[in-house]
């Protein structure tokens, strides 16, 4: 699976343990991954997108956003 990161490499990039990524895969959580047979790989773009999706807007910035109600 050329060009993909292993579970260990992806975990290092995210600052997690490989076991955490394995558990998240079983729970349907975490970054997208590719599974071919028994092998699992992570695309760097998917890891970056996952990190971006985890961003939290600070309350201070939320006061600048328009209200939806």
Protein backbone atom coordinates (compact mmCIF):
# COMPACT_ATOMS: atom_id res chain seq x y z
CA UNK A 1 0.00 0.00 0.00
CA UNK A 2 2.46 2.48 -1.31
CA UNK A 3 1.99 6.10 -0.30
CA UNK A 4 -0.09 5.27 2.77
CA UNK A 5 0.93 5.54 6.40
CA UNK A 6 0.81 2.48 8.64
CA UNK A 7 -1.23 2.52 11.83
CA UNK A 8 1.97 3.14 13.79
CA UNK A 9 3.01 6.06 11.55
CA UNK A 10 -0.48 7.59 11.61
CA UNK A 11 -0.62 7.28 15.40
CA UNK A 12 2.75 9.03 15.72
CA UNK A 13 1.55 11.86 13.47
CA UNK A 14 -1.60 12.31 15.58
CA UNK A 15 0.17 11.90 18.93
CA UNK A 16 -1.83 8.78 19.76
CA UNK A 17 -1.00 5.16 20.44
CA UNK A 18 -1.54 2.64 17.64
CA UNK A 19 -3.96 0.86 19.98
CA UNK A 20 -6.16 3.95 20.13
CA UNK A 21 -6.46 4.00 16.33
CA UNK A 22 -7.28 0.28 16.34
CA UNK A 23 -10.05 0.78 18.92
CA UNK A 24 -11.40 3.80 17.03
CA UNK A 25 -11.59 1.72 13.83
CA UNK A 26 -13.70 -0.87 15.67
CA UNK A 27 -15.97 1.89 17.02
CA UNK A 28 -16.28 3.65 13.66
CA UNK A 29 -14.47 6.74 15.00
CA UNK A 30 -11.31 8.58 14.06
CA UNK A 31 -9.77 9.36 10.70
CA UNK A 32 -10.72 7.63 7.46
CA UNK A 33 -8.59 4.63 6.56
CA UNK A 34 -8.13 2.17 3.74
CA UNK A 35 -8.34 -1.56 4.33
CA UNK A 36 -7.17 -4.06 1.73
CA UNK A 37 -7.36 -7.58 3.05
CA UNK A 38 -5.82 -7.48 6.50
CA UNK A 39 -3.69 -4.41 5.81
CA UNK A 40 -4.76 -0.96 7.00
CA UNK A 41 -3.36 2.32 5.71
CA UNK A 42 -3.97 6.01 6.26
CA UNK A 43 -3.74 8.74 3.62
CA UNK A 44 -2.00 11.85 4.95
CA UNK A 45 -4.78 14.03 3.49
CA UNK A 46 -7.37 12.09 5.52
CA UNK A 47 -5.33 12.57 8.71
CA UNK A 48 -5.09 16.31 8.05
CA UNK A 49 -8.85 16.48 7.37
CA UNK A 50 -9.55 14.63 10.62
CA UNK A 51 -7.38 17.04 12.61
CA UNK A 52 -9.19 19.97 10.96
CA UNK A 53 -12.57 18.46 11.90
CA UNK A 54 -11.49 18.33 15.56
CA UNK A 55 -11.04 22.09 15.81
CA UNK A 56 -13.11 23.75 18.50
CA UNK A 57 -14.23 27.37 18.24
CA UNK A 58 -13.37 29.26 21.46
CA UNK A 59 -16.29 30.96 23.20
CA UNK A 60 -14.69 34.33 22.57
CA UNK A 61 -14.88 33.75 18.81
CA UNK A 62 -18.40 32.33 19.04
CA UNK A 63 -19.74 35.68 20.24
CA UNK A 64 -18.73 37.10 16.84
CA UNK A 65 -20.77 34.49 14.95
CA UNK A 66 -24.36 35.23 13.92
CA UNK A 67 -27.00 33.55 16.07
CA UNK A 68 -29.14 30.90 14.40
CA UNK A 69 -32.19 31.21 16.63
